[in-house]
Amino acid sequence: MKLKLIKKLDEARGTKSFFWEPETKVDFSPGQYFYFTLPKLNYPDTRGVTRHFTISSSPTENLLRLTTRIRQESGYKKTLDELPIGVIVEGEGPNGTLYLDKEVSGTQIFVVGGIGITPFRSMIKYNIDKSLKIPMYLIYSNSDSDFVFKKELDDWQKENDYIKIAYFDSSVSGHLDAAKLSSLLPKYDIQHTTFWLVGPPPFTDALENVFQKMKIPSDQIRSEKFTGY
């Protein structure tokens, strides 16, 4: 599938969104990812011209939004950053099993580290646009105070009483542990709550141990490790 680059947007320090117009409408679920193949690389990269990225836009939005950290050591990312508006790339998808099911019910608690926020922007926006009113609680941990999508998230929280967000700056408060996480969690019915855990491998590994200590059943946890970012 051909994708046309429509615009770029700075989201935070070193993080950008790229908005793509697909040649045909893409049917995907919030949280799924797409493969993006660049025409060529401007810099060497042993991983080649193709990467997969979670779509940070909602299926209710017209453009596919790719949001990523621009790593200077990545020839792919540097080339992506330099792409001119109007360029055509190849896309393939959607893929991925970590997505918001159409039959979802109960409270959804998202525990997110860094760029792991991307699938949850899609899920929250979809929830709002479809007027599903699913209770969603986002606990967003970042290595500094420059949170991606913060203005949008703050606006959505103000406008929708079923959306709640807690920001956690680990450079100030240290890493999340059981006590800190418990203090951020809302009151919830364990039998009707799904916990989502997404972020870099060290973050997800640590939080999986925290969830065990909190006696959260493993079948109520959905997790994914974001690598290569």
C-alpha atoms as a PDB file:
ATOM      1  CA  MET A   1       0.000   0.000   0.000  1.00  0.00           C
ATOM      2  CA  LYS A   2       1.322   3.450  -0.897  1.00  0.00           C
ATOM      3  CA  LEU A   3       1.440   6.079   1.855  1.00  0.00           C
ATOM      4  CA  LYS A   4       1.946   9.786   1.164  1.00  0.00           C
ATOM      5  CA  LEU A   5       3.647  11.972   3.783  1.00  0.00           C
ATOM      6  CA  ILE A   6       1.323  14.903   4.525  1.00  0.00           C
ATOM      7  CA  LYS A   7       2.961  16.645   7.491  1.00  0.00           C
ATOM      8  CA  LYS A   8       5.387  16.346  10.410  1.00  0.00           C
ATOM      9  CA  LEU A   9       4.902  17.513  13.976  1.00  0.00           C
ATOM     10  CA  ASP A  10       7.337  17.911  16.873  1.00  0.00           C
ATOM     11  CA  GLU A  11       5.786  16.164  19.894  1.00  0.00           C
ATOM     12  CA  ALA A  12       8.575  16.447  22.491  1.00  0.00           C
ATOM     13  CA  ARG A  13      12.356  16.691  22.569  1.00  0.00           C
ATOM     14  CA  GLY A  14      13.620  14.236  19.974  1.00  0.00           C
ATOM     15  CA  THR A  15      10.130  12.871  19.255  1.00  0.00           C
ATOM     16  CA  LYS A  16       8.104  13.525  16.115  1.00  0.00           C
ATOM     17  CA  SER A  17       4.870  12.481  14.473  1.00  0.00           C
ATOM     18  CA  PHE A  18       4.616  11.753  10.762  1.00  0.00           C
ATOM     19  CA  PHE A  19       1.155  11.873   9.163  1.00  0.00           C
ATOM     20  CA  TRP A  20       0.467   9.639   6.169  1.00  0.00           C
ATOM     21  CA  GLU A  21      -2.386   9.545   3.664  1.00  0.00           C
ATOM     22  CA  PRO A  22      -3.040   5.946   2.537  1.00  0.00           C
ATOM     23  CA  GLU A  23      -4.069   5.268  -1.055  1.00  0.00           C
ATOM     24  CA  THR A  24      -7.080   3.337   0.282  1.00  0.00           C
ATOM     25  CA  LYS A  25      -8.810   3.423   3.657  1.00  0.00           C
ATOM     26  CA  VAL A  26      -7.046   1.316   6.283  1.00  0.00           C
ATOM     27  CA  ASP A  27      -9.198  -0.804   8.592  1.00  0.00           C
ATOM     28  CA  PHE A  28      -7.266  -1.280  11.828  1.00  0.00           C
ATOM     29  CA  SER A  29      -7.925  -1.614  15.542  1.00  0.00           C
ATOM     30  CA  PRO A  30      -6.580   0.894  18.088  1.00  0.00           C
ATOM     31  CA  GLY A  31      -3.136  -0.284  19.167  1.00  0.00           C
ATOM     32  CA  GLN A  32      -2.089  -2.149  16.022  1.00  0.00           C
ATOM     33  CA  TYR A  33       1.076  -1.397  14.051  1.00  0.00           C
ATOM     34  CA  PHE A  34       2.147  -0.903  10.450  1.00  0.00           C
ATOM     35  CA  TYR A  35       5.320  -1.657   8.487  1.00  0.00           C
ATOM     36  CA  PHE A  36       6.905   1.348   6.774  1.00  0.00           C
ATOM     37  CA  THR A  37       9.437   0.820   3.971  1.00  0.00           C
ATOM     38  CA  LEU A  38      11.444   3.881   2.891  1.00  0.00           C
ATOM     39  CA  PRO A  39      12.488   4.330  -0.763  1.00  0.00           C
ATOM     40  CA  LYS A  40      16.161   4.397   0.283  1.00  0.00           C
ATOM     41  CA  LEU A  41      18.383   5.217   3.248  1.00  0.00           C
ATOM     42  CA  ASN A  42      20.423   8.401   3.460  1.00  0.00           C
ATOM     43  CA  TYR A  43      22.624   6.792   6.117  1.00  0.00           C
ATOM     44  CA  PRO A  44      23.800   3.217   6.754  1.00  0.00           C
ATOM     45  CA  ASP A  45      21.537   1.031   8.873  1.00  0.00           C
ATOM     46  CA  THR A  46      22.104  -2.693   9.341  1.00  0.00           C
ATOM     47  CA  ARG A  47      18.383  -3.225   9.905  1.00  0.00           C
ATOM     48  CA  GLY A  48      17.500  -2.021   6.418  1.00  0.00           C
ATOM     49  CA  VAL A  49      14.750   0.175   4.992  1.00  0.00           C
ATOM     50  CA  THR A  50      11.753  -1.324   6.820  1.00  0.00           C
ATOM     51  CA  ARG A  51      10.501  -0.810  10.387  1.00  0.00           C
ATOM     52  CA  HIS A  52       7.197  -1.352  12.159  1.00  0.00           C
ATOM     53  CA  PHE A  53       5.560   1.362  14.232  1.00  0.00           C
ATOM     54  CA  THR A  54       2.373   1.470  16.259  1.00  0.00           C
ATOM     55  CA  ILE A  55      -0.224   3.745  14.670  1.00  0.00           C
ATOM     56  CA  SER A  56      -0.760   6.526  17.196  1.00  0.00           C
ATOM     57  CA  SER A  57      -3.828   7.852  15.378  1.00  0.00           C
ATOM     58  CA  SER A  58      -7.278   6.410  15.968  1.00  0.00           C
ATOM     59  CA  PRO A  59      -9.225   4.527  13.267  1.00  0.00           C
ATOM     60  CA  THR A  60     -11.633   7.483  13.505  1.00  0.00           C
ATOM     61  CA  GLU A  61      -8.970   9.823  12.092  1.00  0.00           C
ATOM     62  CA  ASN A  62      -8.228  10.133   8.380  1.00  0.00           C
ATOM     63  CA  LEU A  63      -4.429   9.984   8.430  1.00  0.00           C
ATOM     64  CA  LEU A  64      -2.096   7.312   9.786  1.00  0.00           C
ATOM     65  CA  ARG A  65       0.076   8.877  12.480  1.00  0.00           C
ATOM     66  CA  LEU A  66       3.524   7.438  13.144  1.00  0.00           C
ATOM     67  CA  THR A  67       5.141   8.797  16.321  1.00  0.00           C
ATOM     68  CA  THR A  68       8.693   7.913  17.205  1.00  0.00           C
ATOM     69  CA  ARG A  69      11.905   9.038  18.848  1.00  0.00           C
ATOM     70  CA  ILE A  70      14.496  10.199  16.331  1.00  0.00           C
ATOM     71  CA  ARG A  71      17.672   8.372  17.303  1.00  0.00           C
ATOM     72  CA  GLN A  72      20.834   9.789  15.757  1.00  0.00           C
ATOM     73  CA  GLU A  73      22.449   6.346  15.785  1.00  0.00           C
ATOM     74  CA  SER A  74      19.650   5.007  13.562  1.00  0.00           C
ATOM     75  CA  GLY A  75      20.148   5.535   9.844  1.00  0.00           C
ATOM     76  CA  TYR A  76      16.475   4.674   9.315  1.00  0.00           C
ATOM     77  CA  LYS A  77      15.226   7.261  11.821  1.00  0.00           C
ATOM     78  CA  LYS A  78      17.524   9.985  10.479  1.00  0.00           C
ATOM     79  CA  THR A  79      16.321   9.266   6.942  1.00  0.00           C
ATOM     80  CA  LEU A  80      12.689   9.265   8.089  1.00  0.00           C
ATOM     81  CA  ASP A  81      13.237  12.667   9.704  1.00  0.00           C
ATOM     82  CA  GLU A  82      14.620  14.086   6.453  1.00  0.00           C
ATOM     83  CA  LEU A  83      11.833  12.830   4.176  1.00  0.00           C
ATOM     84  CA  PRO A  84      10.227  15.655   2.174  1.00  0.00           C
ATOM     85  CA  ILE A  85       6.516  16.323   2.418  1.00  0.00           C
ATOM     86  CA  GLY A  86       4.743  14.512  -0.422  1.00  0.00           C
ATOM     87  CA  VAL A  87       7.126  11.558  -0.567  1.00  0.00           C
ATOM     88  CA  ILE A  88       5.598   8.116  -1.120  1.00  0.00           C
ATOM     89  CA  VAL A  89       6.603   5.100   0.987  1.00  0.00           C
ATOM     90  CA  GLU A  90       5.323   1.549   1.115  1.00  0.00           C
ATOM     91  CA  GLY A  91       3.123   0.481   4.016  1.00  0.00           C
ATOM     92  CA  GLU A  92       1.975  -2.961   5.066  1.00  0.00           C
ATOM     93  CA  GLY A  93      -0.504  -3.892   7.762  1.00  0.00           C
ATOM     94  CA  PRO A  94      -2.209  -3.702  10.096  1.00  0.00           C
ATOM     95  CA  ASN A  95      -0.527  -6.202  12.400  1.00  0.00           C
ATOM     96  CA  GLY A  96      -0.378  -6.914  16.116  1.00  0.00           C
ATOM     97  CA  THR A  97      -2.471  -8.530  18.820  1.00  0.00           C
ATOM     98  CA  LEU A  98      -2.213  -5.765  21.435  1.00  0.00           C
ATOM     99  CA  TYR A  99      -5.273  -3.735  20.532  1.00  0.00           C
ATOM    100  CA  LEU A 100      -8.565  -2.526  21.941  1.00  0.00           C
ATOM    101  CA  ASP A 101     -11.155  -5.185  21.182  1.00  0.00           C
ATOM    102  CA  LYS A 102     -14.533  -4.012  19.923  1.00  0.00           C
ATOM    103  CA  GLU A 103     -16.208  -6.031  22.676  1.00  0.00           C
ATOM    104  CA  VAL A 104     -14.070  -4.545  25.449  1.00  0.00           C
ATOM    105  CA  SER A 105     -15.789  -3.855  28.757  1.00  0.00           C
ATOM    106  CA  GLY A 106     -14.818  -2.863  32.266  1.00  0.00           C
ATOM    107  CA  THR A 107     -12.134  -0.487  33.465  1.00  0.00           C
ATOM    108  CA  GLN A 108      -8.921  -0.218  31.438  1.00  0.00           C
ATOM    109  CA  ILE A 109      -5.760   0.808  33.305  1.00  0.00           C
ATOM    110  CA  PHE A 110      -2.798   1.738  31.123  1.00  0.00           C
ATOM    111  CA  VAL A 111       0.689   1.753  32.664  1.00  0.00           C
ATOM    112  CA  VAL A 112       3.033   3.225  30.103  1.00  0.00           C
ATOM    113  CA  GLY A 113       6.734   4.000  29.842  1.00  0.00           C
ATOM    114  CA  GLY A 114       8.121   6.596  27.415  1.00  0.00           C
ATOM    115  CA  ILE A 115       7.240   6.084  23.741  1.00  0.00           C
ATOM    116  CA  GLY A 116       4.975   3.210  24.823  1.00  0.00           C
ATOM    117  CA  ILE A 117       2.276   5.890  24.927  1.00  0.00           C
ATOM    118  CA  THR A 118       1.586   5.551  21.179  1.00  0.00           C
ATOM    119  CA  PRO A 119      -1.015   2.727  21.191  1.00  0.00           C
ATOM    120  CA  PHE A 120      -2.879   4.376  24.054  1.00  0.00           C
ATOM    121  CA  ARG A 121      -3.304   7.675  22.278  1.00  0.00           C
ATOM    122  CA  SER A 122      -5.082   5.642  19.595  1.00  0.00           C
ATOM    123  CA  MET A 123      -7.253   3.782  22.131  1.00  0.00           C
ATOM    124  CA  ILE A 124      -8.236   6.855  24.131  1.00  0.00           C
ATOM    125  CA  LYS A 125      -9.069   8.888  21.025  1.00  0.00           C
ATOM    126  CA  TYR A 126     -11.149   6.004  19.644  1.00  0.00           C
ATOM    127  CA  ASN A 127     -12.998   5.672  22.945  1.00  0.00           C
ATOM    128  CA  ILE A 128     -13.870   9.366  22.880  1.00  0.00           C
ATOM    129  CA  ASP A 129     -14.793   9.616  19.190  1.00  0.00           C
ATOM    130  CA  LYS A 130     -17.042   6.551  19.363  1.00  0.00           C
ATOM    131  CA  SER A 131     -18.653   7.750  22.625  1.00  0.00           C
ATOM    132  CA  LEU A 132     -17.956   4.343  24.180  1.00  0.00           C
ATOM    133  CA  LYS A 133     -17.322   5.950  27.581  1.00  0.00           C
ATOM    134  CA  ILE A 134     -15.100   3.074  28.704  1.00  0.00           C
ATOM    135  CA  PRO A 135     -13.341   4.087  31.955  1.00  0.00           C
ATOM    136  CA  MET A 136      -9.681   4.564  31.036  1.00  0.00           C
ATOM    137  CA  TYR A 137      -6.939   5.452  33.504  1.00  0.00           C
ATOM    138  CA  LEU A 138      -3.506   6.289  32.108  1.00  0.00           C
ATOM    139  CA  ILE A 139      -0.404   6.184  34.315  1.00  0.00           C
ATOM    140  CA  TYR A 140       2.298   7.681  32.131  1.00  0.00           C
ATOM    141  CA  SER A 141       5.912   7.326  33.276  1.00  0.00           C
ATOM    142  CA  ASN A 142       8.649   9.258  31.513  1.00  0.00           C
ATOM    143  CA  SER A 143      12.336   9.913  32.085  1.00  0.00           C
ATOM    144  CA  ASP A 144      11.689  13.672  32.211  1.00  0.00           C
ATOM    145  CA  SER A 145       8.764  16.113  32.271  1.00  0.00           C
ATOM    146  CA  ASP A 146       8.474  16.357  28.474  1.00  0.00           C
ATOM    147  CA  PHE A 147       5.519  14.012  27.948  1.00  0.00           C
ATOM    148  CA  VAL A 148       4.453  13.164  24.390  1.00  0.00           C
ATOM    149  CA  PHE A 149       0.820  14.137  23.526  1.00  0.00           C
ATOM    150  CA  LYS A 150       0.469  15.970  26.877  1.00  0.00           C
ATOM    151  CA  LYS A 151      -1.706  18.825  25.629  1.00  0.00           C
ATOM    152  CA  GLU A 152      -4.103  16.458  23.863  1.00  0.00           C
ATOM    153  CA  LEU A 153      -4.251  14.153  26.872  1.00  0.00           C
ATOM    154  CA  ASP A 154      -4.909  17.040  29.253  1.00  0.00           C
ATOM    155  CA  ASP A 155      -7.709  18.373  27.034  1.00  0.00           C
ATOM    156  CA  TRP A 156      -9.320  14.929  26.759  1.00  0.00           C
ATOM    157  CA  GLN A 157      -9.218  14.480  30.513  1.00  0.00           C
ATOM    158  CA  LYS A 158     -10.899  17.849  31.079  1.00  0.00           C
ATOM    159  CA  GLU A 159     -13.633  17.121  28.549  1.00  0.00           C
ATOM    160  CA  ASN A 160     -14.393  13.489  29.474  1.00  0.00           C
ATOM    161  CA  ASP A 161     -14.955  12.334  33.047  1.00  0.00           C
ATOM    162  CA  TYR A 162     -14.199   8.692  32.158  1.00  0.00           C
ATOM    163  CA  ILE A 163     -10.601   9.592  31.133  1.00  0.00           C
ATOM    164  CA  LYS A 164      -8.087  10.029  33.996  1.00  0.00           C
ATOM    165  CA  ILE A 165      -4.361  10.641  33.623  1.00  0.00           C
ATOM    166  CA  ALA A 166      -1.468  10.606  36.091  1.00  0.00           C
ATOM    167  CA  TYR A 167       1.992  11.720  34.979  1.00  0.00           C
ATOM    168  CA  PHE A 168       5.079  10.264  36.638  1.00  0.00           C
ATOM    169  CA  ASP A 169       8.486  11.883  36.081  1.00  0.00           C
ATOM    170  CA  SER A 170      11.034   9.229  37.067  1.00  0.00           C
ATOM    171  CA  SER A 171      13.882  11.781  37.002  1.00  0.00           C
ATOM    172  CA  VAL A 172      12.223  13.414  40.003  1.00  0.00           C
ATOM    173  CA  SER A 173      10.416  10.561  41.760  1.00  0.00           C
ATOM    174  CA  GLY A 174      12.584   7.543  40.912  1.00  0.00           C
ATOM    175  CA  HIS A 175      11.333   4.393  39.234  1.00  0.00           C
ATOM    176  CA  LEU A 176       7.804   3.132  39.749  1.00  0.00           C
ATOM    177  CA  ASP A 177       7.532   0.512  42.482  1.00  0.00           C
ATOM    178  CA  ALA A 178       4.541  -1.159  44.127  1.00  0.00           C
ATOM    179  CA  ALA A 179       3.997   1.642  46.645  1.00  0.00           C
ATOM    180  CA  LYS A 180       4.243   4.438  44.067  1.00  0.00           C
ATOM    181  CA  LEU A 181       2.051   2.647  41.567  1.00  0.00           C
ATOM    182  CA  SER A 182      -0.575   1.866  44.211  1.00  0.00           C
ATOM    183  CA  SER A 183      -0.740   5.548  45.123  1.00  0.00           C
ATOM    184  CA  LEU A 184      -1.454   6.448  41.483  1.00  0.00           C
ATOM    185  CA  LEU A 185      -4.060   3.787  40.791  1.00  0.00           C
ATOM    186  CA  PRO A 186      -7.758   4.638  41.049  1.00  0.00           C
ATOM    187  CA  LYS A 187     -10.158   2.463  42.973  1.00  0.00           C
ATOM    188  CA  TYR A 188     -11.010  -0.509  40.796  1.00  0.00           C
ATOM    189  CA  ASP A 189     -12.867  -3.811  40.829  1.00  0.00           C
ATOM    190  CA  ILE A 190     -10.163  -6.407  40.214  1.00  0.00           C
ATOM    191  CA  GLN A 191     -12.673  -8.748  38.534  1.00  0.00           C
ATOM    192  CA  HIS A 192     -13.645  -6.151  35.928  1.00  0.00           C
ATOM    193  CA  THR A 193     -10.351  -4.431  35.206  1.00  0.00           C
ATOM    194  CA  THR A 194      -7.755  -5.005  32.497  1.00  0.00           C
ATOM    195  CA  PHE A 195      -4.203  -3.808  33.060  1.00  0.00           C
ATOM    196  CA  TRP A 196      -2.109  -2.808  30.036  1.00  0.00           C
ATOM    197  CA  LEU A 197       1.666  -2.517  30.313  1.00  0.00           C
ATOM    198  CA  VAL A 198       3.763  -1.125  27.455  1.00  0.00           C
ATOM    199  CA  GLY A 199       7.231   0.417  27.310  1.00  0.00           C
ATOM    200  CA  PRO A 200      10.942  -0.385  26.919  1.00  0.00           C
ATOM    201  CA  PRO A 201      11.981  -3.874  28.118  1.00  0.00           C
ATOM    202  CA  PRO A 202      13.571  -2.724  31.435  1.00  0.00           C
ATOM    203  CA  PHE A 203      10.376  -0.824  32.267  1.00  0.00           C
ATOM    204  CA  THR A 204       8.000  -3.671  31.439  1.00  0.00           C
ATOM    205  CA  ASP A 205      10.173  -6.283  33.175  1.00  0.00           C
ATOM    206  CA  ALA A 206      10.244  -4.214  36.366  1.00  0.00           C
ATOM    207  CA  LEU A 207       6.521  -3.484  36.294  1.00  0.00           C
ATOM    208  CA  GLU A 208       5.608  -7.115  35.674  1.00  0.00           C
ATOM    209  CA  ASN A 209       7.336  -7.874  38.986  1.00  0.00           C
ATOM    210  CA  VAL A 210       5.450  -5.007  40.614  1.00  0.00           C
ATOM    211  CA  PHE A 211       2.141  -6.401  39.329  1.00  0.00           C
ATOM    212  CA  GLN A 212       3.030  -9.803  40.795  1.00  0.00           C
ATOM    213  CA  LYS A 213       3.659  -8.215  44.187  1.00  0.00           C
ATOM    214  CA  MET A 214       0.305  -6.461  43.921  1.00  0.00           C
ATOM    215  CA  LYS A 215      -1.314  -9.862  43.192  1.00  0.00           C
ATOM    216  CA  ILE A 216      -2.831  -8.768  39.916  1.00  0.00           C
ATOM    217  CA  PRO A 217      -3.851 -11.954  38.024  1.00  0.00           C
ATOM    218  CA  SER A 218      -1.686 -12.572  34.964  1.00  0.00           C
ATOM    219  CA  ASP A 219      -4.735 -13.214  32.765  1.00  0.00           C
ATOM    220  CA  GLN A 220      -5.845  -9.632  33.398  1.00  0.00           C
ATOM    221  CA  ILE A 221      -2.541  -8.148  32.229  1.00  0.00           C
ATOM    222  CA  ARG A 222      -1.767  -7.337  28.590  1.00  0.00           C
ATOM    223  CA  SER A 223       1.824  -6.311  27.971  1.00  0.00           C
ATOM    224  CA  GLU A 224       4.199  -5.519  25.151  1.00  0.00           C
ATOM    225  CA  LYS A 225       7.850  -4.543  25.089  1.00  0.00           C
ATOM    226  CA  PHE A 226       8.865  -1.759  22.728  1.00  0.00           C
ATOM    227  CA  THR A 227      12.366  -2.523  21.462  1.00  0.00           C
ATOM    228  CA  GLY A 228      14.604  -0.735  18.996  1.00  0.00           C
ATOM    229  CA  TYR A 229      13.367   2.769  19.775  1.00  0.00           C
END
